[in-house]
Amino acid sequence: MEQLCKRENAALLVAWIKSRDRHFYGIDYSCRYGSELSKTRKYYHDTFNPDFFVKVVLKDFCYFLVIEIKEDGDVSEENRAKYKYAVAHFDELNRRMEAEGTRERYIFHFLSPNGYDAFFQHLRDETLLEGQSGFRCQLENLLEEN
């Protein structure tokens, strides 16, 4: 929140909100636990709410940056699942909005403290608005590894 309020960053934002832990914008995900060799390996389904929604308008186009905050290096199975399902969720939402001609896009990121400065630098130089390819923090790269 400190970075969101800095003058050089706040000047680029239309609005932002810190969402509630539950019942705000839930994204369903499925996660497995237990060893791959275990006969009792199980799956569970849950919902998470991303931490922040940040609105940016540039050249008559509206971007919603959806951000889930985690600790550096937190590559738990649960976080891998949350990341995978959230990226797929917003990819599908953006495809539908583009098909309808809507001038809005949602860009999802898992973000950890070691990526804060780079995230806001990419926001200021507008490469963050290019989607997942415009910025990748270390945590996101780790979550995509097998």
N, C-alpha and C. Protein backbone atom coordinates (compact mmCIF):
# COMPACT_ATOMS: atom_id res chain seq x y z
N MET A 1 0.83 -1.19 0.00
CA MET A 1 0.00 0.00 0.00
C MET A 1 0.87 1.25 0.00
N GLU A 2 2.03 1.11 0.61
CA GLU A 2 2.96 2.24 0.63
C GLU A 2 3.34 2.66 -0.80
N GLN A 3 3.63 1.67 -1.64
CA GLN A 3 4.00 1.96 -3.04
C GLN A 3 2.83 2.57 -3.82
N LEU A 4 1.62 2.11 -3.55
CA LEU A 4 0.45 2.64 -4.24
C LEU A 4 0.25 4.12 -3.92
N CYS A 5 0.65 4.53 -2.74
CA CYS A 5 0.43 5.91 -2.30
C CYS A 5 1.57 6.86 -2.66
N LYS A 6 2.69 6.34 -3.13
CA LYS A 6 3.79 7.22 -3.53
C LYS A 6 3.34 8.09 -4.70
N ARG A 7 3.71 9.34 -4.65
CA ARG A 7 3.25 10.32 -5.62
C ARG A 7 3.45 9.87 -7.07
N GLU A 8 4.64 9.35 -7.40
CA GLU A 8 4.93 8.97 -8.79
C GLU A 8 4.08 7.78 -9.26
N ASN A 9 3.63 6.96 -8.33
CA ASN A 9 2.76 5.84 -8.69
C ASN A 9 1.29 6.23 -8.63
N ALA A 10 0.92 6.93 -7.59
CA ALA A 10 -0.49 7.33 -7.41
C ALA A 10 -0.98 8.20 -8.56
N ALA A 11 -0.09 8.97 -9.17
CA ALA A 11 -0.48 9.84 -10.28
C ALA A 11 -0.97 9.04 -11.49
N LEU A 12 -0.58 7.77 -11.58
CA LEU A 12 -0.96 6.93 -12.72
C LEU A 12 -2.25 6.16 -12.49
N LEU A 13 -2.73 6.16 -11.25
CA LEU A 13 -3.87 5.33 -10.89
C LEU A 13 -5.16 6.12 -10.84
N VAL A 14 -6.22 5.49 -11.30
CA VAL A 14 -7.55 6.08 -11.18
C VAL A 14 -8.12 5.72 -9.81
N ALA A 15 -7.92 4.46 -9.41
CA ALA A 15 -8.44 3.99 -8.12
C ALA A 15 -7.76 2.68 -7.77
N TRP A 16 -7.82 2.35 -6.48
CA TRP A 16 -7.39 1.02 -6.04
C TRP A 16 -8.15 0.64 -4.79
N ILE A 17 -8.24 -0.66 -4.58
CA ILE A 17 -8.95 -1.15 -3.40
C ILE A 17 -8.21 -2.38 -2.87
N LYS A 18 -8.14 -2.46 -1.55
CA LYS A 18 -7.64 -3.65 -0.89
C LYS A 18 -8.88 -4.48 -0.61
N SER A 19 -8.96 -5.65 -1.23
CA SER A 19 -10.18 -6.45 -1.11
C SER A 19 -10.23 -7.20 0.22
N ARG A 20 -11.41 -7.64 0.55
CA ARG A 20 -11.62 -8.44 1.75
C ARG A 20 -11.09 -9.84 1.52
N ASP A 21 -10.88 -10.58 2.58
CA ASP A 21 -10.40 -11.96 2.46
C ASP A 21 -11.44 -12.89 1.84
N ARG A 22 -12.68 -12.59 2.03
CA ARG A 22 -13.76 -13.44 1.53
C ARG A 22 -14.87 -12.58 0.93
N HIS A 23 -15.58 -13.18 -0.02
CA HIS A 23 -16.81 -12.60 -0.56
C HIS A 23 -16.61 -11.26 -1.27
N PHE A 24 -15.49 -11.10 -1.95
CA PHE A 24 -15.30 -9.88 -2.73
C PHE A 24 -15.25 -10.24 -4.21
N TYR A 25 -14.21 -10.91 -4.64
CA TYR A 25 -14.08 -11.40 -6.02
C TYR A 25 -13.39 -12.75 -5.91
N GLY A 26 -14.17 -13.77 -5.70
CA GLY A 26 -13.62 -15.10 -5.48
C GLY A 26 -13.21 -15.79 -6.76
N ILE A 27 -12.06 -16.43 -6.71
CA ILE A 27 -11.56 -17.23 -7.83
C ILE A 27 -11.42 -18.67 -7.31
N ASP A 28 -12.12 -19.59 -7.96
CA ASP A 28 -12.06 -20.99 -7.57
C ASP A 28 -10.76 -21.62 -8.02
N TYR A 29 -10.26 -22.54 -7.21
CA TYR A 29 -9.08 -23.30 -7.58
C TYR A 29 -9.16 -24.68 -6.96
N SER A 30 -8.39 -25.59 -7.52
CA SER A 30 -8.31 -26.95 -7.02
C SER A 30 -6.86 -27.27 -6.74
N CYS A 31 -6.62 -27.92 -5.62
CA CYS A 31 -5.24 -28.19 -5.20
C CYS A 31 -5.15 -29.62 -4.69
N ARG A 32 -4.01 -30.24 -4.90
CA ARG A 32 -3.82 -31.59 -4.39
C ARG A 32 -2.84 -31.56 -3.23
N TYR A 33 -2.95 -32.52 -2.37
CA TYR A 33 -1.98 -32.64 -1.28
C TYR A 33 -1.70 -34.11 -1.05
N GLY A 34 -0.57 -34.37 -0.49
CA GLY A 34 -0.11 -35.74 -0.31
C GLY A 34 0.89 -36.10 -1.39
N SER A 35 1.68 -37.07 -1.13
CA SER A 35 2.72 -37.51 -2.06
C SER A 35 2.12 -38.11 -3.32
N GLU A 36 2.83 -37.97 -4.44
CA GLU A 36 2.37 -38.57 -5.69
C GLU A 36 2.29 -40.10 -5.57
N LEU A 37 3.09 -40.67 -4.69
CA LEU A 37 3.11 -42.11 -4.50
C LEU A 37 2.09 -42.59 -3.48
N SER A 38 1.48 -41.66 -2.79
CA SER A 38 0.55 -41.99 -1.72
C SER A 38 -0.78 -42.49 -2.28
N LYS A 39 -1.33 -43.51 -1.64
CA LYS A 39 -2.64 -44.02 -2.02
C LYS A 39 -3.75 -43.12 -1.49
N THR A 40 -3.39 -42.21 -0.60
CA THR A 40 -4.39 -41.32 0.00
C THR A 40 -4.26 -39.89 -0.53
N ARG A 41 -3.60 -39.71 -1.67
CA ARG A 41 -3.47 -38.37 -2.24
C ARG A 41 -4.87 -37.82 -2.49
N LYS A 42 -5.08 -36.60 -2.09
CA LYS A 42 -6.41 -36.00 -2.19
C LYS A 42 -6.37 -34.65 -2.86
N TYR A 43 -7.52 -34.22 -3.28
CA TYR A 43 -7.69 -32.92 -3.88
C TYR A 43 -8.71 -32.14 -3.06
N TYR A 44 -8.52 -30.85 -3.01
CA TYR A 44 -9.54 -30.03 -2.38
C TYR A 44 -9.79 -28.81 -3.25
N HIS A 45 -10.96 -28.26 -3.12
CA HIS A 45 -11.38 -27.10 -3.89
C HIS A 45 -11.65 -25.97 -2.91
N ASP A 46 -11.25 -24.77 -3.33
CA ASP A 46 -11.45 -23.62 -2.46
C ASP A 46 -11.56 -22.38 -3.34
N THR A 47 -11.71 -21.26 -2.71
CA THR A 47 -11.81 -19.97 -3.38
C THR A 47 -10.88 -19.00 -2.68
N PHE A 48 -10.21 -18.15 -3.47
CA PHE A 48 -9.41 -17.08 -2.87
C PHE A 48 -9.80 -15.76 -3.50
N ASN A 49 -9.56 -14.69 -2.75
CA ASN A 49 -9.83 -13.33 -3.21
C ASN A 49 -8.50 -12.61 -3.37
N PRO A 50 -8.18 -12.16 -4.58
CA PRO A 50 -6.92 -11.41 -4.75
C PRO A 50 -6.90 -10.20 -3.80
N ASP A 51 -5.69 -9.80 -3.41
CA ASP A 51 -5.54 -8.76 -2.40
C ASP A 51 -5.87 -7.35 -2.88
N PHE A 52 -5.48 -7.02 -4.10
CA PHE A 52 -5.66 -5.66 -4.60
C PHE A 52 -6.26 -5.65 -6.00
N PHE A 53 -7.08 -4.64 -6.26
CA PHE A 53 -7.55 -4.31 -7.60
C PHE A 53 -7.15 -2.86 -7.84
N VAL A 54 -6.41 -2.64 -8.90
CA VAL A 54 -5.88 -1.31 -9.21
C VAL A 54 -6.36 -0.92 -10.60
N LYS A 55 -6.98 0.23 -10.71
CA LYS A 55 -7.52 0.69 -11.99
C LYS A 55 -6.59 1.73 -12.60
N VAL A 56 -6.23 1.50 -13.86
CA VAL A 56 -5.39 2.42 -14.63
C VAL A 56 -6.08 2.68 -15.96
N VAL A 57 -6.16 3.93 -16.38
CA VAL A 57 -6.71 4.26 -17.69
C VAL A 57 -5.61 4.91 -18.51
N LEU A 58 -5.43 4.38 -19.72
CA LEU A 58 -4.41 4.90 -20.62
C LEU A 58 -4.96 4.89 -22.03
N LYS A 59 -4.98 6.05 -22.66
CA LYS A 59 -5.44 6.18 -24.06
C LYS A 59 -6.81 5.54 -24.26
N ASP A 60 -7.77 5.92 -23.46
CA ASP A 60 -9.15 5.43 -23.57
C ASP A 60 -9.30 3.93 -23.36
N PHE A 61 -8.35 3.34 -22.67
CA PHE A 61 -8.40 1.91 -22.39
C PHE A 61 -8.27 1.73 -20.89
N CYS A 62 -9.09 0.89 -20.32
CA CYS A 62 -9.11 0.68 -18.88
C CYS A 62 -8.45 -0.66 -18.54
N TYR A 63 -7.51 -0.61 -17.62
CA TYR A 63 -6.81 -1.81 -17.15
C TYR A 63 -7.10 -1.99 -15.67
N PHE A 64 -7.37 -3.23 -15.30
CA PHE A 64 -7.51 -3.57 -13.89
C PHE A 64 -6.37 -4.51 -13.54
N LEU A 65 -5.48 -4.05 -12.70
CA LEU A 65 -4.38 -4.88 -12.23
C LEU A 65 -4.87 -5.62 -11.00
N VAL A 66 -4.86 -6.92 -11.07
CA VAL A 66 -5.35 -7.76 -9.98
C VAL A 66 -4.13 -8.42 -9.36
N ILE A 67 -3.93 -8.19 -8.07
CA ILE A 67 -2.67 -8.56 -7.44
C ILE A 67 -2.91 -9.41 -6.19
N GLU A 68 -2.22 -10.52 -6.15
CA GLU A 68 -2.21 -11.38 -4.96
C GLU A 68 -0.82 -11.25 -4.34
N ILE A 69 -0.75 -10.87 -3.09
CA ILE A 69 0.52 -10.67 -2.39
C ILE A 69 0.91 -11.94 -1.63
N LYS A 70 2.16 -12.34 -1.80
CA LYS A 70 2.71 -13.50 -1.10
C LYS A 70 4.12 -13.18 -0.63
N GLU A 71 4.66 -14.03 0.21
CA GLU A 71 6.05 -13.87 0.65
C GLU A 71 7.00 -14.29 -0.46
N ASP A 72 8.21 -13.75 -0.45
CA ASP A 72 9.23 -14.16 -1.41
C ASP A 72 9.41 -15.67 -1.36
N GLY A 73 9.45 -16.29 -2.53
CA GLY A 73 9.74 -17.72 -2.63
C GLY A 73 8.65 -18.66 -2.16
N ASP A 74 7.44 -18.18 -1.92
CA ASP A 74 6.35 -19.02 -1.42
C ASP A 74 5.73 -19.82 -2.56
N VAL A 75 6.32 -20.97 -2.83
CA VAL A 75 5.88 -21.79 -3.97
C VAL A 75 5.15 -23.05 -3.52
N SER A 76 4.29 -22.91 -2.57
CA SER A 76 3.50 -24.04 -2.07
C SER A 76 2.59 -24.55 -3.19
N GLU A 77 2.13 -25.79 -3.03
CA GLU A 77 1.19 -26.36 -4.01
C GLU A 77 -0.07 -25.50 -4.10
N GLU A 78 -0.50 -24.99 -2.96
CA GLU A 78 -1.70 -24.14 -2.95
C GLU A 78 -1.47 -22.88 -3.78
N ASN A 79 -0.32 -22.24 -3.64
CA ASN A 79 -0.05 -21.04 -4.42
C ASN A 79 0.11 -21.34 -5.90
N ARG A 80 0.70 -22.48 -6.22
CA ARG A 80 0.80 -22.89 -7.63
C ARG A 80 -0.60 -23.02 -8.23
N ALA A 81 -1.50 -23.64 -7.47
CA ALA A 81 -2.87 -23.81 -7.95
C ALA A 81 -3.59 -22.47 -8.08
N LYS A 82 -3.47 -21.63 -7.07
CA LYS A 82 -4.11 -20.31 -7.14
C LYS A 82 -3.63 -19.54 -8.36
N TYR A 83 -2.33 -19.54 -8.58
CA TYR A 83 -1.75 -18.81 -9.71
C TYR A 83 -2.26 -19.36 -11.05
N LYS A 84 -2.21 -20.67 -11.19
CA LYS A 84 -2.65 -21.32 -12.43
C LYS A 84 -4.11 -21.00 -12.74
N TYR A 85 -4.98 -21.16 -11.75
CA TYR A 85 -6.40 -20.94 -11.98
C TYR A 85 -6.73 -19.46 -12.19
N ALA A 86 -6.04 -18.58 -11.50
CA ALA A 86 -6.31 -17.14 -11.67
C ALA A 86 -5.86 -16.66 -13.04
N VAL A 87 -4.70 -17.10 -13.50
CA VAL A 87 -4.23 -16.71 -14.85
C VAL A 87 -5.23 -17.20 -15.89
N ALA A 88 -5.68 -18.44 -15.77
CA ALA A 88 -6.67 -18.98 -16.71
C ALA A 88 -7.99 -18.21 -16.63
N HIS A 89 -8.42 -17.87 -15.42
CA HIS A 89 -9.66 -17.11 -15.22
C HIS A 89 -9.61 -15.78 -15.96
N PHE A 90 -8.53 -15.03 -15.76
CA PHE A 90 -8.46 -13.70 -16.38
C PHE A 90 -8.17 -13.77 -17.87
N ASP A 91 -7.47 -14.81 -18.32
CA ASP A 91 -7.30 -15.01 -19.77
C ASP A 91 -8.66 -15.19 -20.44
N GLU A 92 -9.49 -16.03 -19.85
CA GLU A 92 -10.82 -16.27 -20.41
C GLU A 92 -11.68 -15.02 -20.34
N LEU A 93 -11.65 -14.32 -19.22
CA LEU A 93 -12.41 -13.07 -19.09
C LEU A 93 -11.98 -12.07 -20.16
N ASN A 94 -10.68 -11.92 -20.35
CA ASN A 94 -10.18 -10.98 -21.36
C ASN A 94 -10.56 -11.40 -22.78
N ARG A 95 -10.55 -12.69 -23.07
CA ARG A 95 -10.98 -13.16 -24.40
C ARG A 95 -12.43 -12.78 -24.66
N ARG A 96 -13.27 -12.97 -23.66
CA ARG A 96 -14.68 -12.63 -23.82
C ARG A 96 -14.89 -11.13 -23.99
N MET A 97 -14.16 -10.35 -23.21
CA MET A 97 -14.30 -8.90 -23.30
C MET A 97 -13.81 -8.39 -24.65
N GLU A 98 -12.72 -8.97 -25.13
CA GLU A 98 -12.21 -8.57 -26.44
C GLU A 98 -13.21 -8.92 -27.54
N ALA A 99 -13.82 -10.09 -27.46
CA ALA A 99 -14.81 -10.51 -28.45
C ALA A 99 -16.02 -9.57 -28.48
N GLU A 100 -16.34 -9.00 -27.32
CA GLU A 100 -17.47 -8.07 -27.23
C GLU A 100 -17.06 -6.63 -27.56
N GLY A 101 -15.78 -6.41 -27.78
CA GLY A 101 -15.31 -5.07 -28.09
C GLY A 101 -15.16 -4.16 -26.88
N THR A 102 -15.13 -4.75 -25.70
CA THR A 102 -14.98 -3.98 -24.47
C THR A 102 -13.54 -3.48 -24.36
N ARG A 103 -13.37 -2.22 -24.00
CA ARG A 103 -12.04 -1.62 -23.92
C ARG A 103 -11.52 -1.69 -22.47
N GLU A 104 -11.55 -2.88 -21.94
CA GLU A 104 -11.05 -3.15 -20.60
C GLU A 104 -10.29 -4.47 -20.61
N ARG A 105 -9.24 -4.54 -19.79
CA ARG A 105 -8.50 -5.78 -19.63
C ARG A 105 -8.11 -5.95 -18.18
N TYR A 106 -8.03 -7.19 -17.78
CA TYR A 106 -7.59 -7.55 -16.43
C TYR A 106 -6.22 -8.21 -16.54
N ILE A 107 -5.32 -7.77 -15.71
CA ILE A 107 -3.96 -8.31 -15.70
C ILE A 107 -3.68 -8.80 -14.28
N PHE A 108 -3.44 -10.10 -14.17
CA PHE A 108 -3.24 -10.72 -12.87
C PHE A 108 -1.76 -10.95 -12.58
N HIS A 109 -1.36 -10.69 -11.33
CA HIS A 109 0.01 -10.97 -10.90
C HIS A 109 0.04 -11.45 -9.46
N PHE A 110 0.87 -12.46 -9.22
CA PHE A 110 1.31 -12.79 -7.87
C PHE A 110 2.51 -11.89 -7.64
N LEU A 111 2.58 -11.24 -6.53
CA LEU A 111 3.66 -10.29 -6.27
C LEU A 111 4.20 -10.51 -4.86
N SER A 112 5.51 -10.46 -4.75
CA SER A 112 6.15 -10.60 -3.44
C SER A 112 7.08 -9.41 -3.23
N PRO A 113 7.51 -9.17 -2.01
CA PRO A 113 8.29 -7.96 -1.70
C PRO A 113 9.50 -7.72 -2.59
N ASN A 114 10.20 -8.77 -3.01
CA ASN A 114 11.37 -8.53 -3.84
C ASN A 114 11.01 -8.07 -5.25
N GLY A 115 9.73 -8.05 -5.59
CA GLY A 115 9.29 -7.58 -6.90
C GLY A 115 8.56 -6.26 -6.90
N TYR A 116 8.35 -5.67 -5.71
CA TYR A 116 7.57 -4.43 -5.64
C TYR A 116 8.16 -3.31 -6.49
N ASP A 117 9.45 -3.04 -6.32
CA ASP A 117 10.07 -1.92 -7.06
C ASP A 117 9.97 -2.13 -8.57
N ALA A 118 10.28 -3.35 -9.03
CA ALA A 118 10.22 -3.63 -10.47
C ALA A 118 8.79 -3.51 -10.98
N PHE A 119 7.81 -3.98 -10.21
CA PHE A 119 6.41 -3.89 -10.60
C PHE A 119 6.02 -2.44 -10.87
N PHE A 120 6.37 -1.56 -9.93
CA PHE A 120 5.97 -0.16 -10.09
C PHE A 120 6.79 0.55 -11.17
N GLN A 121 8.01 0.13 -11.40
CA GLN A 121 8.78 0.67 -12.51
C GLN A 121 8.12 0.29 -13.83
N HIS A 122 7.68 -0.95 -13.95
CA HIS A 122 6.99 -1.39 -15.16
C HIS A 122 5.63 -0.71 -15.31
N LEU A 123 5.00 -0.36 -14.21
CA LEU A 123 3.76 0.41 -14.28
C LEU A 123 4.06 1.80 -14.84
N ARG A 124 5.10 2.44 -14.32
CA ARG A 124 5.43 3.78 -14.77
C ARG A 124 5.86 3.83 -16.23
N ASP A 125 6.56 2.80 -16.71
CA ASP A 125 6.96 2.82 -18.13
C ASP A 125 5.93 2.13 -19.03
N GLU A 126 4.80 1.74 -18.46
CA GLU A 126 3.63 1.20 -19.14
C GLU A 126 3.81 -0.22 -19.69
N THR A 127 4.94 -0.86 -19.49
CA THR A 127 5.11 -2.23 -19.97
C THR A 127 4.26 -3.21 -19.15
N LEU A 128 3.90 -2.85 -17.95
CA LEU A 128 3.04 -3.70 -17.13
C LEU A 128 1.69 -3.90 -17.79
N LEU A 129 1.25 -2.92 -18.56
CA LEU A 129 -0.06 -2.96 -19.19
C LEU A 129 -0.09 -3.85 -20.43
N GLU A 130 1.03 -4.43 -20.79
CA GLU A 130 1.09 -5.34 -21.93
C GLU A 130 0.60 -6.73 -21.55
N GLY A 131 0.26 -6.94 -20.30
CA GLY A 131 -0.22 -8.24 -19.85
C GLY A 131 0.87 -9.02 -19.16
N GLN A 132 0.68 -10.32 -19.04
CA GLN A 132 1.63 -11.17 -18.36
C GLN A 132 3.02 -11.09 -18.97
N SER A 133 3.12 -10.82 -20.25
CA SER A 133 4.43 -10.75 -20.90
C SER A 133 5.17 -9.45 -20.60
N GLY A 134 4.47 -8.44 -20.12
CA GLY A 134 5.09 -7.15 -19.85
C GLY A 134 5.89 -7.09 -18.57
N PHE A 135 5.58 -7.99 -17.65
CA PHE A 135 6.28 -8.03 -16.37
C PHE A 135 6.09 -9.41 -15.76
N ARG A 136 7.14 -9.94 -15.22
CA ARG A 136 7.09 -11.21 -14.50
C ARG A 136 7.97 -11.08 -13.28
N CYS A 137 7.41 -11.26 -12.10
CA CYS A 137 8.25 -11.20 -10.91
C CYS A 137 8.86 -12.58 -10.66
N GLN A 138 9.86 -12.62 -9.81
CA GLN A 138 10.56 -13.86 -9.50
C GLN A 138 9.60 -14.94 -9.01
N LEU A 139 8.67 -14.58 -8.16
CA LEU A 139 7.72 -15.55 -7.61
C LEU A 139 6.89 -16.19 -8.73
N GLU A 140 6.42 -15.40 -9.68
CA GLU A 140 5.63 -15.95 -10.78
C GLU A 140 6.45 -16.96 -11.60
N ASN A 141 7.70 -16.63 -11.84
CA ASN A 141 8.57 -17.58 -12.56
C ASN A 141 8.74 -18.87 -11.78
N LEU A 142 8.92 -18.77 -10.47
CA LEU A 142 9.06 -19.95 -9.64
C LEU A 142 7.78 -20.80 -9.62
N LEU A 143 6.63 -20.14 -9.60
CA LEU A 143 5.36 -20.86 -9.55
C LEU A 143 5.09 -21.63 -10.84
N GLU A 144 5.65 -21.20 -11.94
CA GLU A 144 5.44 -21.88 -13.20
C GLU A 144 6.40 -23.03 -13.44
N GLU A 145 7.46 -23.10 -12.64
CA GLU A 145 8.39 -24.23 -12.78
C GLU A 145 7.71 -25.50 -12.30
N ASN A 146 8.12 -26.62 -12.86
CA ASN A 146 7.53 -27.91 -12.46
C ASN A 146 8.07 -28.40 -11.17
